[in-house]
């Protein structure tokens, strides 16, 4: 399997800056805006985007954490017991613009599960989606509102997002079979 860095640390920073600017522009500021990161990398990316928004707009945007484990449609097909971790949304979602943040958008099933869970916490005015990588191959009619980079891949390829918050060097790796 060949391995190639498709985004380095600087590229990740630039992509998140662009996403932050696009979120502010599309929503005409930050009024009623909240970010919710999908475990695990989505949490780190949501916090980074919130920090960039704070630098630009000089205001704090609340950040929540979503663990979609129990909302997945493949939970019964997985072997063993799923590791369920805490969802932390310490703010009301009703009437808010929720931006879900994830690292890689692939089939759309993770995002569907995330939207189901968000709706259990309230009725936001709107749900938007920000992803660092969109690799295609959708199985559900879901698209991202904000994309760091589109990377068309084969179905057998793997994309791995590595982040400093996990003790790794920031980068995105594409692994493909030879």
C-alpha atoms as a PDB file:
ATOM      1  CA  UNK A   1       0.000   0.000   0.000  1.00  0.00           C
ATOM      2  CA  UNK A   2       1.473   3.362  -1.001  1.00  0.00           C
ATOM      3  CA  UNK A   3       1.233   6.301   1.371  1.00  0.00           C
ATOM      4  CA  UNK A   4       1.195   9.950   0.353  1.00  0.00           C
ATOM      5  CA  UNK A   5       0.815  13.161   2.373  1.00  0.00           C
ATOM      6  CA  UNK A   6      -1.969  15.096   0.661  1.00  0.00           C
ATOM      7  CA  UNK A   7      -2.171  17.986   3.150  1.00  0.00           C
ATOM      8  CA  UNK A   8       0.594  19.127   5.474  1.00  0.00           C
ATOM      9  CA  UNK A   9       0.338  21.177   8.666  1.00  0.00           C
ATOM     10  CA  UNK A  10       0.278  24.521   6.834  1.00  0.00           C
ATOM     11  CA  UNK A  11      -2.370  23.225   4.452  1.00  0.00           C
ATOM     12  CA  UNK A  12      -4.599  22.144   7.329  1.00  0.00           C
ATOM     13  CA  UNK A  13      -4.226  25.594   8.907  1.00  0.00           C
ATOM     14  CA  UNK A  14      -5.093  27.338   5.637  1.00  0.00           C
ATOM     15  CA  UNK A  15      -8.106  25.094   5.022  1.00  0.00           C
ATOM     16  CA  UNK A  16      -9.485  25.715   8.520  1.00  0.00           C
ATOM     17  CA  UNK A  17      -8.935  29.486   8.162  1.00  0.00           C
ATOM     18  CA  UNK A  18     -10.857  29.448   4.887  1.00  0.00           C
ATOM     19  CA  UNK A  19     -13.649  27.370   6.428  1.00  0.00           C
ATOM     20  CA  UNK A  20     -13.882  29.799   9.381  1.00  0.00           C
ATOM     21  CA  UNK A  21     -14.166  32.780   7.009  1.00  0.00           C
ATOM     22  CA  UNK A  22     -16.788  30.987   4.903  1.00  0.00           C
ATOM     23  CA  UNK A  23     -18.859  30.129   7.987  1.00  0.00           C
ATOM     24  CA  UNK A  24     -18.811  33.759   9.134  1.00  0.00           C
ATOM     25  CA  UNK A  25     -19.645  35.066   5.666  1.00  0.00           C
ATOM     26  CA  UNK A  26     -22.457  32.615   4.931  1.00  0.00           C
ATOM     27  CA  UNK A  27     -24.085  33.197   8.330  1.00  0.00           C
ATOM     28  CA  UNK A  28     -23.526  36.985   8.276  1.00  0.00           C
ATOM     29  CA  UNK A  29     -21.524  36.828  11.507  1.00  0.00           C
ATOM     30  CA  UNK A  30     -21.656  34.551  14.509  1.00  0.00           C
ATOM     31  CA  UNK A  31     -25.031  35.365  16.075  1.00  0.00           C
ATOM     32  CA  UNK A  32     -26.713  32.085  17.096  1.00  0.00           C
ATOM     33  CA  UNK A  33     -23.830  30.001  15.744  1.00  0.00           C
ATOM     34  CA  UNK A  34     -22.559  26.861  17.495  1.00  0.00           C
ATOM     35  CA  UNK A  35     -19.989  24.274  16.393  1.00  0.00           C
ATOM     36  CA  UNK A  36     -20.307  20.584  17.230  1.00  0.00           C
ATOM     37  CA  UNK A  37     -17.370  18.274  16.595  1.00  0.00           C
ATOM     38  CA  UNK A  38     -17.956  14.607  15.843  1.00  0.00           C
ATOM     39  CA  UNK A  39     -15.664  12.356  17.892  1.00  0.00           C
ATOM     40  CA  UNK A  40     -12.668  12.268  17.650  1.00  0.00           C
ATOM     41  CA  UNK A  41     -10.923  14.395  15.038  1.00  0.00           C
ATOM     42  CA  UNK A  42     -14.032  16.494  14.447  1.00  0.00           C
ATOM     43  CA  UNK A  43     -13.778  17.780  18.019  1.00  0.00           C
ATOM     44  CA  UNK A  44     -10.236  19.039  17.505  1.00  0.00           C
ATOM     45  CA  UNK A  45     -11.132  20.599  14.165  1.00  0.00           C
ATOM     46  CA  UNK A  46     -14.225  22.303  15.647  1.00  0.00           C
ATOM     47  CA  UNK A  47     -12.105  23.812  18.421  1.00  0.00           C
ATOM     48  CA  UNK A  48      -9.552  25.052  15.887  1.00  0.00           C
ATOM     49  CA  UNK A  49     -12.278  26.605  13.736  1.00  0.00           C
ATOM     50  CA  UNK A  50     -13.816  28.244  16.822  1.00  0.00           C
ATOM     51  CA  UNK A  51     -10.411  29.711  17.694  1.00  0.00           C
ATOM     52  CA  UNK A  52     -10.012  31.104  14.167  1.00  0.00           C
ATOM     53  CA  UNK A  53     -13.515  32.612  14.342  1.00  0.00           C
ATOM     54  CA  UNK A  54     -12.587  34.171  17.695  1.00  0.00           C
ATOM     55  CA  UNK A  55      -9.476  35.721  16.136  1.00  0.00           C
ATOM     56  CA  UNK A  56     -11.487  37.111  13.210  1.00  0.00           C
ATOM     57  CA  UNK A  57     -14.703  38.218  14.947  1.00  0.00           C
ATOM     58  CA  UNK A  58     -13.422  38.779  18.514  1.00  0.00           C
ATOM     59  CA  UNK A  59     -16.202  36.646  19.983  1.00  0.00           C
ATOM     60  CA  UNK A  60     -16.541  33.127  21.347  1.00  0.00           C
ATOM     61  CA  UNK A  61     -18.538  30.498  19.473  1.00  0.00           C
ATOM     62  CA  UNK A  62     -19.701  27.598  21.675  1.00  0.00           C
ATOM     63  CA  UNK A  63     -18.262  24.182  20.837  1.00  0.00           C
ATOM     64  CA  UNK A  64     -19.953  20.898  21.653  1.00  0.00           C
ATOM     65  CA  UNK A  65     -18.915  17.248  21.362  1.00  0.00           C
ATOM     66  CA  UNK A  66     -20.948  14.526  19.683  1.00  0.00           C
ATOM     67  CA  UNK A  67     -20.422  10.778  20.072  1.00  0.00           C
ATOM     68  CA  UNK A  68     -22.586   9.100  17.431  1.00  0.00           C
ATOM     69  CA  UNK A  69     -21.778   5.498  18.408  1.00  0.00           C
ATOM     70  CA  UNK A  70     -25.311   4.587  19.470  1.00  0.00           C
ATOM     71  CA  UNK A  71     -26.839   6.342  16.439  1.00  0.00           C
ATOM     72  CA  UNK A  72     -24.849   4.426  13.812  1.00  0.00           C
ATOM     73  CA  UNK A  73     -26.867   2.224  11.458  1.00  0.00           C
ATOM     74  CA  UNK A  74     -24.171  -0.463  11.548  1.00  0.00           C
ATOM     75  CA  UNK A  75     -23.981  -0.831  15.339  1.00  0.00           C
ATOM     76  CA  UNK A  76     -25.541  -4.298  15.282  1.00  0.00           C
ATOM     77  CA  UNK A  77     -23.178  -5.558  12.572  1.00  0.00           C
ATOM     78  CA  UNK A  78     -20.009  -4.659  14.491  1.00  0.00           C
ATOM     79  CA  UNK A  79     -18.332  -7.350  16.570  1.00  0.00           C
ATOM     80  CA  UNK A  80     -17.902  -6.732  20.275  1.00  0.00           C
ATOM     81  CA  UNK A  81     -19.309  -3.891  22.322  1.00  0.00           C
ATOM     82  CA  UNK A  82     -18.975  -0.406  20.881  1.00  0.00           C
ATOM     83  CA  UNK A  83     -16.955   2.094  22.914  1.00  0.00           C
ATOM     84  CA  UNK A  84     -19.492   4.748  23.838  1.00  0.00           C
ATOM     85  CA  UNK A  85     -18.104   8.049  24.989  1.00  0.00           C
ATOM     86  CA  UNK A  86     -19.734  11.190  26.225  1.00  0.00           C
ATOM     87  CA  UNK A  87     -21.711  13.647  24.139  1.00  0.00           C
ATOM     88  CA  UNK A  88     -21.276  17.136  25.567  1.00  0.00           C
ATOM     89  CA  UNK A  89     -23.631  19.823  24.332  1.00  0.00           C
ATOM     90  CA  UNK A  90     -23.846  22.272  27.256  1.00  0.00           C
ATOM     91  CA  UNK A  91     -26.037  24.755  25.385  1.00  0.00           C
ATOM     92  CA  UNK A  92     -29.530  24.857  23.923  1.00  0.00           C
ATOM     93  CA  UNK A  93     -29.670  24.038  20.193  1.00  0.00           C
ATOM     94  CA  UNK A  94     -33.166  25.387  19.566  1.00  0.00           C
ATOM     95  CA  UNK A  95     -33.069  28.354  17.227  1.00  0.00           C
ATOM     96  CA  UNK A  96     -29.321  27.981  16.577  1.00  0.00           C
ATOM     97  CA  UNK A  97     -27.269  27.443  13.459  1.00  0.00           C
ATOM     98  CA  UNK A  98     -25.383  24.226  14.166  1.00  0.00           C
ATOM     99  CA  UNK A  99     -22.220  23.551  12.200  1.00  0.00           C
ATOM    100  CA  UNK A 100     -21.305  19.871  12.453  1.00  0.00           C
ATOM    101  CA  UNK A 101     -17.552  19.377  12.046  1.00  0.00           C
ATOM    102  CA  UNK A 102     -15.882  16.141  10.963  1.00  0.00           C
ATOM    103  CA  UNK A 103     -12.543  15.158   9.480  1.00  0.00           C
ATOM    104  CA  UNK A 104     -13.549  13.066   6.453  1.00  0.00           C
ATOM    105  CA  UNK A 105     -16.848  12.897   4.572  1.00  0.00           C
ATOM    106  CA  UNK A 106     -17.232   9.549   2.847  1.00  0.00           C
ATOM    107  CA  UNK A 107     -20.547   7.641   2.604  1.00  0.00           C
ATOM    108  CA  UNK A 108     -22.593  10.184   4.578  1.00  0.00           C
ATOM    109  CA  UNK A 109     -23.706   7.653   7.181  1.00  0.00           C
ATOM    110  CA  UNK A 110     -21.755   9.267  10.021  1.00  0.00           C
ATOM    111  CA  UNK A 111     -23.341  12.623   9.250  1.00  0.00           C
ATOM    112  CA  UNK A 112     -26.833  11.115   9.098  1.00  0.00           C
ATOM    113  CA  UNK A 113     -26.253   9.614  12.552  1.00  0.00           C
ATOM    114  CA  UNK A 114     -24.918  12.958  13.814  1.00  0.00           C
ATOM    115  CA  UNK A 115     -27.991  14.821  12.538  1.00  0.00           C
ATOM    116  CA  UNK A 116     -30.284  12.280  14.217  1.00  0.00           C
ATOM    117  CA  UNK A 117     -28.491  12.836  17.527  1.00  0.00           C
ATOM    118  CA  UNK A 118     -28.480  16.632  17.180  1.00  0.00           C
ATOM    119  CA  UNK A 119     -32.247  16.583  16.697  1.00  0.00           C
ATOM    120  CA  UNK A 120     -32.585  14.707  19.995  1.00  0.00           C
ATOM    121  CA  UNK A 121     -30.993  17.729  21.712  1.00  0.00           C
ATOM    122  CA  UNK A 122     -33.313  20.357  20.257  1.00  0.00           C
ATOM    123  CA  UNK A 123     -34.570  21.868  17.041  1.00  0.00           C
ATOM    124  CA  UNK A 124     -31.907  24.058  15.451  1.00  0.00           C
ATOM    125  CA  UNK A 125     -32.884  26.572  12.774  1.00  0.00           C
ATOM    126  CA  UNK A 126     -30.279  25.044  10.478  1.00  0.00           C
ATOM    127  CA  UNK A 127     -27.631  22.340  10.398  1.00  0.00           C
ATOM    128  CA  UNK A 128     -24.555  22.916   8.245  1.00  0.00           C
ATOM    129  CA  UNK A 129     -21.594  20.623   7.673  1.00  0.00           C
ATOM    130  CA  UNK A 130     -17.871  21.432   7.640  1.00  0.00           C
ATOM    131  CA  UNK A 131     -15.317  18.753   6.751  1.00  0.00           C
ATOM    132  CA  UNK A 132     -11.581  18.853   6.252  1.00  0.00           C
ATOM    133  CA  UNK A 133     -11.697  16.202   3.481  1.00  0.00           C
ATOM    134  CA  UNK A 134     -14.494  15.197   1.110  1.00  0.00           C
ATOM    135  CA  UNK A 135     -13.489  11.943  -0.560  1.00  0.00           C
ATOM    136  CA  UNK A 136     -16.710  11.187  -2.437  1.00  0.00           C
ATOM    137  CA  UNK A 137     -18.526   7.814  -2.625  1.00  0.00           C
ATOM    138  CA  UNK A 138     -21.746   8.994  -0.988  1.00  0.00           C
ATOM    139  CA  UNK A 139     -24.377   6.406  -0.111  1.00  0.00           C
ATOM    140  CA  UNK A 140     -26.798   9.030   1.224  1.00  0.00           C
ATOM    141  CA  UNK A 141     -27.791  12.413  -0.251  1.00  0.00           C
ATOM    142  CA  UNK A 142     -25.515  14.450   2.020  1.00  0.00           C
ATOM    143  CA  UNK A 143     -23.066  17.158   1.015  1.00  0.00           C
ATOM    144  CA  UNK A 144     -20.761  19.434   2.964  1.00  0.00           C
ATOM    145  CA  UNK A 145     -21.351  23.186   3.127  1.00  0.00           C
ATOM    146  CA  UNK A 146     -17.668  23.831   3.858  1.00  0.00           C
ATOM    147  CA  UNK A 147     -14.845  21.640   2.521  1.00  0.00           C
ATOM    148  CA  UNK A 148     -11.134  21.976   3.217  1.00  0.00           C
ATOM    149  CA  UNK A 149     -10.168  19.807   0.244  1.00  0.00           C
ATOM    150  CA  UNK A 150     -11.959  17.447  -2.134  1.00  0.00           C
ATOM    151  CA  UNK A 151      -9.912  14.307  -2.713  1.00  0.00           C
ATOM    152  CA  UNK A 152     -11.448  11.838  -5.170  1.00  0.00           C
ATOM    153  CA  UNK A 153     -10.419   8.350  -4.062  1.00  0.00           C
ATOM    154  CA  UNK A 154     -10.996   4.739  -4.902  1.00  0.00           C
ATOM    155  CA  UNK A 155     -13.248   2.853  -2.514  1.00  0.00           C
ATOM    156  CA  UNK A 156     -10.279   0.759  -1.378  1.00  0.00           C
ATOM    157  CA  UNK A 157      -8.202   3.828  -0.472  1.00  0.00           C
ATOM    158  CA  UNK A 158      -7.921   5.086   3.091  1.00  0.00           C
ATOM    159  CA  UNK A 159      -7.604   8.669   4.277  1.00  0.00           C
ATOM    160  CA  UNK A 160      -6.091   9.257   7.684  1.00  0.00           C
ATOM    161  CA  UNK A 161      -6.228  12.658   9.389  1.00  0.00           C
ATOM    162  CA  UNK A 162      -3.440  13.034  11.943  1.00  0.00           C
ATOM    163  CA  UNK A 163      -3.587  15.902  14.426  1.00  0.00           C
ATOM    164  CA  UNK A 164      -1.283  17.329  17.076  1.00  0.00           C
ATOM    165  CA  UNK A 165      -4.045  17.002  19.704  1.00  0.00           C
ATOM    166  CA  UNK A 166      -3.607  13.242  19.343  1.00  0.00           C
ATOM    167  CA  UNK A 167       0.182  13.519  19.801  1.00  0.00           C
ATOM    168  CA  UNK A 168       0.916  13.342  16.067  1.00  0.00           C
ATOM    169  CA  UNK A 169       2.236  15.723  13.433  1.00  0.00           C
ATOM    170  CA  UNK A 170      -0.604  17.529  11.639  1.00  0.00           C
ATOM    171  CA  UNK A 171      -1.128  16.020   8.199  1.00  0.00           C
ATOM    172  CA  UNK A 172      -3.553  14.088   6.031  1.00  0.00           C
ATOM    173  CA  UNK A 173      -2.368  10.830   4.489  1.00  0.00           C
ATOM    174  CA  UNK A 174      -3.825   8.963   1.532  1.00  0.00           C
ATOM    175  CA  UNK A 175      -3.125   5.223   1.487  1.00  0.00           C
ATOM    176  CA  UNK A 176      -3.819   3.375  -1.739  1.00  0.00           C
ATOM    177  CA  UNK A 177      -3.289  -0.194  -2.836  1.00  0.00           C
ATOM    178  CA  UNK A 178      -0.684  -0.604  -5.547  1.00  0.00           C
END
